[in-house]
Amino acid sequence: MSGFTFANEPDASRYTLHKGSDLVSVLDYRDDGRTVAMTRAYTIPTFRGHGYAGEVVARAVAEIAERGDRAVSPVCWYVADWFDAHPEHGDLLARRAG
């Protein structure tokens, strides 16, 4: 997606996707130093239906994978569904004690 800006805003505990100056999608998270719990993926209603939530999740997962120091806990149903659809990223998922 060209013309888009992706950013990690750690002070706000969120990843954002902008199209020009417009905020189109947000991925909220909690980071405890070992695991990034992705708690909510949200697309601004006027921008829905274009795959922006999937794009912000994909970019966040890529950033976390590149850092290599965190696992991901998909708390949000959308993020869990994204991981189901992208099993090649399953190695990033936090393992539950069981």
PDB file of N, CA and C in Angstrom:
ATOM      1  N   MET A   1       0.848  -1.184   0.000  1.00  0.00           N
ATOM      2  CA  MET A   1       0.000   0.000   0.000  1.00  0.00           C
ATOM      3  C   MET A   1       0.885   1.236   0.000  1.00  0.00           C
ATOM      4  N   SER A   2       0.972   1.874  -1.138  1.00  0.00           N
ATOM      5  CA  SER A   2       1.762   3.090  -1.202  1.00  0.00           C
ATOM      6  C   SER A   2       0.907   4.278  -0.766  1.00  0.00           C
ATOM      7  N   GLY A   3       1.563   5.302  -0.285  1.00  0.00           N
ATOM      8  CA  GLY A   3       0.852   6.477   0.188  1.00  0.00           C
ATOM      9  C   GLY A   3       0.360   6.352   1.614  1.00  0.00           C
ATOM     10  N   PHE A   4       0.778   5.273   2.287  1.00  0.00           N
ATOM     11  CA  PHE A   4       0.365   5.037   3.666  1.00  0.00           C
ATOM     12  C   PHE A   4       1.564   5.161   4.589  1.00  0.00           C
ATOM     13  N   THR A   5       1.314   5.612   5.801  1.00  0.00           N
ATOM     14  CA  THR A   5       2.348   5.720   6.816  1.00  0.00           C
ATOM     15  C   THR A   5       1.959   4.844   7.992  1.00  0.00           C
ATOM     16  N   PHE A   6       2.866   3.945   8.373  1.00  0.00           N
ATOM     17  CA  PHE A   6       2.674   3.062   9.513  1.00  0.00           C
ATOM     18  C   PHE A   6       3.587   3.550  10.628  1.00  0.00           C
ATOM     19  N   ALA A   7       3.074   3.544  11.858  1.00  0.00           N
ATOM     20  CA  ALA A   7       3.887   3.991  12.986  1.00  0.00           C
ATOM     21  C   ALA A   7       3.548   3.202  14.237  1.00  0.00           C
ATOM     22  N   ASN A   8       4.581   2.964  15.038  1.00  0.00           N
ATOM     23  CA  ASN A   8       4.405   2.437  16.386  1.00  0.00           C
ATOM     24  C   ASN A   8       4.430   3.648  17.307  1.00  0.00           C
ATOM     25  N   GLU A   9       3.392   3.811  18.101  1.00  0.00           N
ATOM     26  CA  GLU A   9       3.311   4.913  19.059  1.00  0.00           C
ATOM     27  C   GLU A   9       3.337   4.320  20.462  1.00  0.00           C
ATOM     28  N   PRO A  10       4.536   3.967  20.961  1.00  0.00           N
ATOM     29  CA  PRO A  10       4.615   3.269  22.250  1.00  0.00           C
ATOM     30  C   PRO A  10       4.036   4.052  23.424  1.00  0.00           C
ATOM     31  N   ASP A  11       4.107   5.375  23.399  1.00  0.00           N
ATOM     32  CA  ASP A  11       3.529   6.163  24.493  1.00  0.00           C
ATOM     33  C   ASP A  11       2.015   6.020  24.560  1.00  0.00           C
ATOM     34  N   ALA A  12       1.393   5.724  23.414  1.00  0.00           N
ATOM     35  CA  ALA A  12      -0.056   5.519  23.352  1.00  0.00           C
ATOM     36  C   ALA A  12      -0.412   4.035  23.288  1.00  0.00           C
ATOM     37  N   SER A  13       0.604   3.160  23.277  1.00  0.00           N
ATOM     38  CA  SER A  13       0.406   1.700  23.176  1.00  0.00           C
ATOM     39  C   SER A  13      -0.454   1.343  21.971  1.00  0.00           C
ATOM     40  N   ARG A  14      -0.032   1.856  20.807  1.00  0.00           N
ATOM     41  CA  ARG A  14      -0.780   1.547  19.604  1.00  0.00           C
ATOM     42  C   ARG A  14       0.103   1.660  18.367  1.00  0.00           C
ATOM     43  N   TYR A  15      -0.315   0.918  17.355  1.00  0.00           N
ATOM     44  CA  TYR A  15       0.223   1.065  16.009  1.00  0.00           C
ATOM     45  C   TYR A  15      -0.836   1.810  15.217  1.00  0.00           C
ATOM     46  N   THR A  16      -0.393   2.649  14.280  1.00  0.00           N
ATOM     47  CA  THR A  16      -1.351   3.406  13.477  1.00  0.00           C
ATOM     48  C   THR A  16      -1.028   3.283  11.994  1.00  0.00           C
ATOM     49  N   LEU A  17      -2.062   3.440  11.184  1.00  0.00           N
ATOM     50  CA  LEU A  17      -1.923   3.488   9.739  1.00  0.00           C
ATOM     51  C   LEU A  17      -2.636   4.747   9.267  1.00  0.00           C
ATOM     52  N   HIS A  18      -1.880   5.610   8.589  1.00  0.00           N
ATOM     53  CA  HIS A  18      -2.425   6.858   8.044  1.00  0.00           C
ATOM     54  C   HIS A  18      -2.383   6.818   6.529  1.00  0.00           C
ATOM     55  N   LYS A  19      -3.397   7.390   5.923  1.00  0.00           N
ATOM     56  CA  LYS A  19      -3.408   7.642   4.483  1.00  0.00           C
ATOM     57  C   LYS A  19      -3.336   9.156   4.346  1.00  0.00           C
ATOM     58  N   GLY A  20      -2.172   9.638   3.929  1.00  0.00           N
ATOM     59  CA  GLY A  20      -1.947  11.083   3.963  1.00  0.00           C
ATOM     60  C   GLY A  20      -2.016  11.541   5.408  1.00  0.00           C
ATOM     61  N   SER A  21      -2.842  12.528   5.682  1.00  0.00           N
ATOM     62  CA  SER A  21      -2.986  13.015   7.060  1.00  0.00           C
ATOM     63  C   SER A  21      -4.131  12.336   7.808  1.00  0.00           C
ATOM     64  N   ASP A  22      -4.863  11.438   7.131  1.00  0.00           N
ATOM     65  CA  ASP A  22      -6.015  10.780   7.753  1.00  0.00           C
ATOM     66  C   ASP A  22      -5.610   9.506   8.480  1.00  0.00           C
ATOM     67  N   LEU A  23      -6.003   9.402   9.730  1.00  0.00           N
ATOM     68  CA  LEU A  23      -5.854   8.157  10.481  1.00  0.00           C
ATOM     69  C   LEU A  23      -6.911   7.194   9.960  1.00  0.00           C
ATOM     70  N   VAL A  24      -6.480   6.001   9.477  1.00  0.00           N
ATOM     71  CA  VAL A  24      -7.455   5.062   8.936  1.00  0.00           C
ATOM     72  C   VAL A  24      -7.639   3.829   9.812  1.00  0.00           C
ATOM     73  N   SER A  25      -6.579   3.396  10.514  1.00  0.00           N
ATOM     74  CA  SER A  25      -6.705   2.192  11.330  1.00  0.00           C
ATOM     75  C   SER A  25      -5.733   2.232  12.502  1.00  0.00           C
ATOM     76  N   VAL A  26      -6.135   1.564  13.591  1.00  0.00           N
ATOM     77  CA  VAL A  26      -5.358   1.544  14.827  1.00  0.00           C
ATOM     78  C   VAL A  26      -5.322   0.120  15.358  1.00  0.00           C
ATOM     79  N   LEU A  27      -4.180  -0.262  15.915  1.00  0.00           N
ATOM     80  CA  LEU A  27      -4.046  -1.540  16.608  1.00  0.00           C
ATOM     81  C   LEU A  27      -3.513  -1.246  18.000  1.00  0.00           C
ATOM     82  N   ASP A  28      -4.368  -1.396  19.011  1.00  0.00           N
ATOM     83  CA  ASP A  28      -3.969  -1.166  20.404  1.00  0.00           C
ATOM     84  C   ASP A  28      -3.251  -2.394  20.937  1.00  0.00           C
ATOM     85  N   TYR A  29      -2.302  -2.174  21.840  1.00  0.00           N
ATOM     86  CA  TYR A  29      -1.564  -3.293  22.422  1.00  0.00           C
ATOM     87  C   TYR A  29      -1.098  -2.985  23.840  1.00  0.00           C
ATOM     88  N   ARG A  30      -0.701  -4.049  24.527  1.00  0.00           N
ATOM     89  CA  ARG A  30      -0.027  -3.961  25.827  1.00  0.00           C
ATOM     90  C   ARG A  30       1.266  -4.752  25.693  1.00  0.00           C
ATOM     91  N   ASP A  31       2.368  -4.157  26.085  1.00  0.00           N
ATOM     92  CA  ASP A  31       3.680  -4.789  25.971  1.00  0.00           C
ATOM     93  C   ASP A  31       4.272  -4.925  27.370  1.00  0.00           C
ATOM     94  N   ASP A  32       4.480  -6.186  27.803  1.00  0.00           N
ATOM     95  CA  ASP A  32       5.032  -6.404  29.144  1.00  0.00           C
ATOM     96  C   ASP A  32       6.538  -6.696  29.121  1.00  0.00           C
ATOM     97  N   GLY A  33       7.169  -6.506  27.973  1.00  0.00           N
ATOM     98  CA  GLY A  33       8.597  -6.762  27.853  1.00  0.00           C
ATOM     99  C   GLY A  33       8.926  -8.135  27.294  1.00  0.00           C
ATOM    100  N   ARG A  34       7.956  -9.033  27.309  1.00  0.00           N
ATOM    101  CA  ARG A  34       8.125 -10.380  26.738  1.00  0.00           C
ATOM    102  C   ARG A  34       7.073 -10.670  25.676  1.00  0.00           C
ATOM    103  N   THR A  35       5.867 -10.149  25.927  1.00  0.00           N
ATOM    104  CA  THR A  35       4.730 -10.434  25.050  1.00  0.00           C
ATOM    105  C   THR A  35       4.001  -9.143  24.701  1.00  0.00           C
ATOM    106  N   VAL A  36       3.610  -9.031  23.437  1.00  0.00           N
ATOM    107  CA  VAL A  36       2.769  -7.925  22.988  1.00  0.00           C
ATOM    108  C   VAL A  36       1.352  -8.487  22.855  1.00  0.00           C
ATOM    109  N   ALA A  37       0.471  -8.055  23.738  1.00  0.00           N
ATOM    110  CA  ALA A  37      -0.932  -8.462  23.681  1.00  0.00           C
ATOM    111  C   ALA A  37      -1.650  -7.469  22.773  1.00  0.00           C
ATOM    112  N   MET A  38      -2.094  -7.954  21.616  1.00  0.00           N
ATOM    113  CA  MET A  38      -2.814  -7.096  20.677  1.00  0.00           C
ATOM    114  C   MET A  38      -4.290  -7.120  21.067  1.00  0.00           C
ATOM    115  N   THR A  39      -4.761  -5.993  21.596  1.00  0.00           N
ATOM    116  CA  THR A  39      -6.056  -5.965  22.264  1.00  0.00           C
ATOM    117  C   THR A  39      -7.226  -5.457  21.424  1.00  0.00           C
ATOM    118  N   ARG A  40      -6.946  -4.648  20.386  1.00  0.00           N
ATOM    119  CA  ARG A  40      -8.055  -4.126  19.587  1.00  0.00           C
ATOM    120  C   ARG A  40      -7.543  -3.613  18.254  1.00  0.00           C
ATOM    121  N   ALA A  41      -8.119  -4.125  17.189  1.00  0.00           N
ATOM    122  CA  ALA A  41      -7.889  -3.588  15.843  1.00  0.00           C
ATOM    123  C   ALA A  41      -9.138  -2.798  15.470  1.00  0.00           C
ATOM    124  N   TYR A  42      -8.932  -1.596  14.984  1.00  0.00           N
ATOM    125  CA  TYR A  42     -10.067  -0.719  14.698  1.00  0.00           C
ATOM    126  C   TYR A  42      -9.778   0.088  13.439  1.00  0.00           C
ATOM    127  N   THR A  43     -10.760   0.158  12.570  1.00  0.00           N
ATOM    128  CA  THR A  43     -10.678   1.012  11.392  1.00  0.00           C
ATOM    129  C   THR A  43     -11.758   2.080  11.493  1.00  0.00           C
ATOM    130  N   ILE A  44     -11.374   3.315  11.218  1.00  0.00           N
ATOM    131  CA  ILE A  44     -12.325   4.422  11.224  1.00  0.00           C
ATOM    132  C   ILE A  44     -13.463   4.077  10.244  1.00  0.00           C
ATOM    133  N   PRO A  45     -14.719   4.214  10.671  1.00  0.00           N
ATOM    134  CA  PRO A  45     -15.841   3.738   9.851  1.00  0.00           C
ATOM    135  C   PRO A  45     -15.823   4.174   8.388  1.00  0.00           C
ATOM    136  N   THR A  46     -15.445   5.396   8.095  1.00  0.00           N
ATOM    137  CA  THR A  46     -15.450   5.846   6.695  1.00  0.00           C
ATOM    138  C   THR A  46     -14.387   5.161   5.841  1.00  0.00           C
ATOM    139  N   PHE A  47     -13.441   4.466   6.468  1.00  0.00           N
ATOM    140  CA  PHE A  47     -12.370   3.788   5.732  1.00  0.00           C
ATOM    141  C   PHE A  47     -12.509   2.268   5.745  1.00  0.00           C
ATOM    142  N   ARG A  48     -13.585   1.750   6.312  1.00  0.00           N
ATOM    143  CA  ARG A  48     -13.762   0.296   6.412  1.00  0.00           C
ATOM    144  C   ARG A  48     -13.973  -0.341   5.039  1.00  0.00           C
ATOM    145  N   GLY A  49     -13.629  -1.615   4.970  1.00  0.00           N
ATOM    146  CA  GLY A  49     -13.867  -2.381   3.751  1.00  0.00           C
ATOM    147  C   GLY A  49     -12.729  -2.360   2.750  1.00  0.00           C
ATOM    148  N   HIS A  50     -11.565  -1.833   3.150  1.00  0.00           N
ATOM    149  CA  HIS A  50     -10.428  -1.737   2.239  1.00  0.00           C
ATOM    150  C   HIS A  50      -9.217  -2.540   2.716  1.00  0.00           C
ATOM    151  N   GLY A  51      -9.374  -3.301   3.793  1.00  0.00           N
ATOM    152  CA  GLY A  51      -8.276  -4.128   4.285  1.00  0.00           C
ATOM    153  C   GLY A  51      -7.275  -3.412   5.170  1.00  0.00           C
ATOM    154  N   TYR A  52      -7.637  -2.242   5.672  1.00  0.00           N
ATOM    155  CA  TYR A  52      -6.682  -1.473   6.465  1.00  0.00           C
ATOM    156  C   TYR A  52      -6.366  -2.112   7.810  1.00  0.00           C
ATOM    157  N   ALA A  53      -7.349  -2.728   8.449  1.00  0.00           N
ATOM    158  CA  ALA A  53      -7.073  -3.406   9.728  1.00  0.00           C
ATOM    159  C   ALA A  53      -6.081  -4.543   9.503  1.00  0.00           C
ATOM    160  N   GLY A  54      -6.272  -5.306   8.445  1.00  0.00           N
ATOM    161  CA  GLY A  54      -5.332  -6.372   8.123  1.00  0.00           C
ATOM    162  C   GLY A  54      -3.944  -5.838   7.836  1.00  0.00           C
ATOM    163  N   GLU A  55      -3.873  -4.690   7.189  1.00  0.00           N
ATOM    164  CA  GLU A  55      -2.586  -4.072   6.870  1.00  0.00           C
ATOM    165  C   GLU A  55      -1.861  -3.617   8.136  1.00  0.00           C
ATOM    166  N   VAL A  56      -2.580  -2.993   9.070  1.00  0.00           N
ATOM    167  CA  VAL A  56      -1.916  -2.527  10.299  1.00  0.00           C
ATOM    168  C   VAL A  56      -1.468  -3.726  11.125  1.00  0.00           C
ATOM    169  N   VAL A  57      -2.244  -4.800  11.156  1.00  0.00           N
ATOM    170  CA  VAL A  57      -1.832  -6.014  11.878  1.00  0.00           C
ATOM    171  C   VAL A  57      -0.605  -6.620  11.205  1.00  0.00           C
ATOM    172  N   ALA A  58      -0.624  -6.744   9.891  1.00  0.00           N
ATOM    173  CA  ALA A  58       0.512  -7.330   9.168  1.00  0.00           C
ATOM    174  C   ALA A  58       1.791  -6.540   9.403  1.00  0.00           C
ATOM    175  N   ARG A  59       1.694  -5.236   9.365  1.00  0.00           N
ATOM    176  CA  ARG A  59       2.895  -4.404   9.578  1.00  0.00           C
ATOM    177  C   ARG A  59       3.387  -4.487  11.019  1.00  0.00           C
ATOM    178  N   ALA A  60       2.460  -4.539  11.973  1.00  0.00           N
ATOM    179  CA  ALA A  60       2.860  -4.679  13.376  1.00  0.00           C
ATOM    180  C   ALA A  60       3.539  -6.025  13.605  1.00  0.00           C
ATOM    181  N   VAL A  61       2.975  -7.083  13.059  1.00  0.00           N
ATOM    182  CA  VAL A  61       3.569  -8.422  13.197  1.00  0.00           C
ATOM    183  C   VAL A  61       4.954  -8.440  12.566  1.00  0.00           C
ATOM    184  N   ALA A  62       5.108  -7.817  11.401  1.00  0.00           N
ATOM    185  CA  ALA A  62       6.417  -7.769  10.743  1.00  0.00           C
ATOM    186  C   ALA A  62       7.438  -7.022  11.597  1.00  0.00           C
ATOM    187  N   GLU A  63       7.015  -5.927  12.217  1.00  0.00           N
ATOM    188  CA  GLU A  63       7.928  -5.167  13.076  1.00  0.00           C
ATOM    189  C   GLU A  63       8.351  -5.992  14.284  1.00  0.00           C
ATOM    190  N   ILE A  64       7.402  -6.674  14.903  1.00  0.00           N
ATOM    191  CA  ILE A  64       7.706  -7.501  16.070  1.00  0.00           C
ATOM    192  C   ILE A  64       8.621  -8.654  15.679  1.00  0.00           C
ATOM    193  N   ALA A  65       8.357  -9.271  14.541  1.00  0.00           N
ATOM    194  CA  ALA A  65       9.195 -10.373  14.061  1.00  0.00           C
ATOM    195  C   ALA A  65      10.618  -9.886  13.796  1.00  0.00           C
ATOM    196  N   GLU A  66      10.736  -8.712  13.199  1.00  0.00           N
ATOM    197  CA  GLU A  66      12.055  -8.167  12.897  1.00  0.00           C
ATOM    198  C   GLU A  66      12.848  -7.888  14.169  1.00  0.00           C
ATOM    199  N   ARG A  67      12.188  -7.355  15.191  1.00  0.00           N
ATOM    200  CA  ARG A  67      12.872  -7.118  16.474  1.00  0.00           C
ATOM    201  C   ARG A  67      13.310  -8.429  17.102  1.00  0.00           C
ATOM    202  N   GLY A  68      12.428  -9.427  17.036  1.00  0.00           N
ATOM    203  CA  GLY A  68      12.773 -10.755  17.504  1.00  0.00           C
ATOM    204  C   GLY A  68      12.837 -10.946  19.004  1.00  0.00           C
ATOM    205  N   ASP A  69      12.299 -10.012  19.775  1.00  0.00           N
ATOM    206  CA  ASP A  69      12.412 -10.109  21.230  1.00  0.00           C
ATOM    207  C   ASP A  69      11.073 -10.213  21.952  1.00  0.00           C
ATOM    208  N   ARG A  70       9.989 -10.414  21.211  1.00  0.00           N
ATOM    209  CA  ARG A  70       8.662 -10.495  21.816  1.00  0.00           C
ATOM    210  C   ARG A  70       7.846 -11.591  21.134  1.00  0.00           C
ATOM    211  N   ALA A  71       6.914 -12.150  21.899  1.00  0.00           N
ATOM    212  CA  ALA A  71       5.874 -13.025  21.357  1.00  0.00           C
ATOM    213  C   ALA A  71       4.610 -12.179  21.234  1.00  0.00           C
ATOM    214  N   VAL A  72       3.624 -12.700  20.534  1.00  0.00           N
ATOM    215  CA  VAL A  72       2.356 -11.995  20.348  1.00  0.00           C
ATOM    216  C   VAL A  72       1.229 -12.806  20.973  1.00  0.00           C
ATOM    217  N   SER A  73       0.373 -12.114  21.718  1.00  0.00           N
ATOM    218  CA  SER A  73      -0.846 -12.709  22.245  1.00  0.00           C
ATOM    219  C   SER A  73      -2.022 -12.023  21.547  1.00  0.00           C
ATOM    220  N   PRO A  74      -2.744 -12.750  20.690  1.00  0.00           N
ATOM    221  CA  PRO A  74      -3.845 -12.144  19.936  1.00  0.00           C
ATOM    222  C   PRO A  74      -5.135 -12.081  20.759  1.00  0.00           C
ATOM    223  N   VAL A  75      -5.246 -11.092  21.620  1.00  0.00           N
ATOM    224  CA  VAL A  75      -6.424 -10.943  22.477  1.00  0.00           C
ATOM    225  C   VAL A  75      -7.649 -10.562  21.644  1.00  0.00           C
ATOM    226  N   CYS A  76      -7.468  -9.688  20.688  1.00  0.00           N
ATOM    227  CA  CYS A  76      -8.553  -9.234  19.811  1.00  0.00           C
ATOM    228  C   CYS A  76      -8.948 -10.345  18.852  1.00  0.00           C
ATOM    229  N   TRP A  77     -10.242 -10.554  18.656  1.00  0.00           N
ATOM    230  CA  TRP A  77     -10.722 -11.610  17.754  1.00  0.00           C
ATOM    231  C   TRP A  77     -10.200 -11.405  16.333  1.00  0.00           C
ATOM    232  N   TYR A  78     -10.112 -10.151  15.894  1.00  0.00           N
ATOM    233  CA  TYR A  78      -9.652  -9.886  14.533  1.00  0.00           C
ATOM    234  C   TYR A  78      -8.198 -10.331  14.362  1.00  0.00           C
ATOM    235  N   VAL A  79      -7.383 -10.038  15.349  1.00  0.00           N
ATOM    236  CA  VAL A  79      -5.966 -10.434  15.297  1.00  0.00           C
ATOM    237  C   VAL A  79      -5.855 -11.953  15.336  1.00  0.00           C
ATOM    238  N   ALA A  80      -6.649 -12.614  16.165  1.00  0.00           N
ATOM    239  CA  ALA A  80      -6.644 -14.082  16.214  1.00  0.00           C
ATOM    240  C   ALA A  80      -7.018 -14.660  14.858  1.00  0.00           C
ATOM    241  N   ASP A  81      -8.043 -14.094  14.214  1.00  0.00           N
ATOM    242  CA  ASP A  81      -8.435 -14.548  12.880  1.00  0.00           C
ATOM    243  C   ASP A  81      -7.326 -14.292  11.861  1.00  0.00           C
ATOM    244  N   TRP A  82      -6.629 -13.168  12.010  1.00  0.00           N
ATOM    245  CA  TRP A  82      -5.524 -12.858  11.095  1.00  0.00           C
ATOM    246  C   TRP A  82      -4.431 -13.925  11.216  1.00  0.00           C
ATOM    247  N   PHE A  83      -4.094 -14.312  12.443  1.00  0.00           N
ATOM    248  CA  PHE A  83      -3.076 -15.358  12.633  1.00  0.00           C
ATOM    249  C   PHE A  83      -3.563 -16.700  12.083  1.00  0.00           C
ATOM    250  N   ASP A  84      -4.853 -16.996  12.230  1.00  0.00           N
ATOM    251  CA  ASP A  84      -5.400 -18.231  11.642  1.00  0.00           C
ATOM    252  C   ASP A  84      -5.233 -18.231  10.124  1.00  0.00           C
ATOM    253  N   ALA A  85      -5.402 -17.069   9.509  1.00  0.00           N
ATOM    254  CA  ALA A  85      -5.285 -16.949   8.055  1.00  0.00           C
ATOM    255  C   ALA A  85      -3.832 -16.857   7.585  1.00  0.00           C
ATOM    256  N   HIS A  86      -2.909 -16.630   8.518  1.00  0.00           N
ATOM    257  CA  HIS A  86      -1.482 -16.488   8.187  1.00  0.00           C
ATOM    258  C   HIS A  86      -0.644 -17.391   9.095  1.00  0.00           C
ATOM    259  N   PRO A  87      -0.810 -18.717   8.955  1.00  0.00           N
ATOM    260  CA  PRO A  87      -0.117 -19.650   9.853  1.00  0.00           C
ATOM    261  C   PRO A  87       1.408 -19.568   9.759  1.00  0.00           C
ATOM    262  N   GLU A  88       1.921 -18.961   8.706  1.00  0.00           N
ATOM    263  CA  GLU A  88       3.368 -18.811   8.583  1.00  0.00           C
ATOM    264  C   GLU A  88       3.954 -17.914   9.672  1.00  0.00           C
ATOM    265  N   HIS A  89       3.098 -17.187  10.387  1.00  0.00           N
ATOM    266  CA  HIS A  89       3.548 -16.328  11.483  1.00  0.00           C
ATOM    267  C   HIS A  89       3.265 -16.943  12.858  1.00  0.00           C
ATOM    268  N   GLY A  90       2.830 -18.195  12.869  1.00  0.00           N
ATOM    269  CA  GLY A  90       2.464 -18.859  14.115  1.00  0.00           C
ATOM    270  C   GLY A  90       3.599 -18.978  15.117  1.00  0.00           C
ATOM    271  N   ASP A  91       4.846 -18.934  14.633  1.00  0.00           N
ATOM    272  CA  ASP A  91       5.976 -19.031  15.554  1.00  0.00           C
ATOM    273  C   ASP A  91       6.080 -17.813  16.481  1.00  0.00           C
ATOM    274  N   LEU A  92       5.390 -16.728  16.153  1.00  0.00           N
ATOM    275  CA  LEU A  92       5.398 -15.534  17.003  1.00  0.00           C
ATOM    276  C   LEU A  92       4.392 -15.613  18.154  1.00  0.00           C
ATOM    277  N   LEU A  93       3.454 -16.538  18.063  1.00  0.00           N
ATOM    278  CA  LEU A  93       2.402 -16.592  19.068  1.00  0.00           C
ATOM    279  C   LEU A  93       2.944 -17.034  20.424  1.00  0.00           C
ATOM    280  N   ALA A  94       2.480 -16.348  21.460  1.00  0.00           N
ATOM    281  CA  ALA A  94       2.840 -16.711  22.827  1.00  0.00           C
ATOM    282  C   ALA A  94       2.225 -18.073  23.142  1.00  0.00           C
ATOM    283  N   ARG A  95       2.984 -18.901  23.786  1.00  0.00           N
ATOM    284  CA  ARG A  95       2.500 -20.234  24.169  1.00  0.00           C
ATOM    285  C   ARG A  95       1.805 -20.132  25.524  1.00  0.00           C
ATOM    286  N   ARG A  96       0.648 -20.728  25.594  1.00  0.00           N
ATOM    287  CA  ARG A  96      -0.087 -20.726  26.863  1.00  0.00           C
ATOM    288  C   ARG A  96       0.423 -21.823  27.763  1.00  0.00           C
ATOM    289  N   ALA A  97       0.520 -21.497  29.029  1.00  0.00           N
ATOM    290  CA  ALA A  97       0.898 -22.534  30.009  1.00  0.00           C
ATOM    291  C   ALA A  97      -0.264 -23.500  30.114  1.00  0.00           C
ATOM    292  N   GLY A  98       0.061 -24.771  30.148  1.00  0.00           N
ATOM    293  CA  GLY A  98      -1.069 -25.635  30.146  1.00  0.00           C
ATOM    294  C   GLY A  98      -0.862 -26.893  30.807  1.00  0.00           C
TER     295      GLY A  98
END
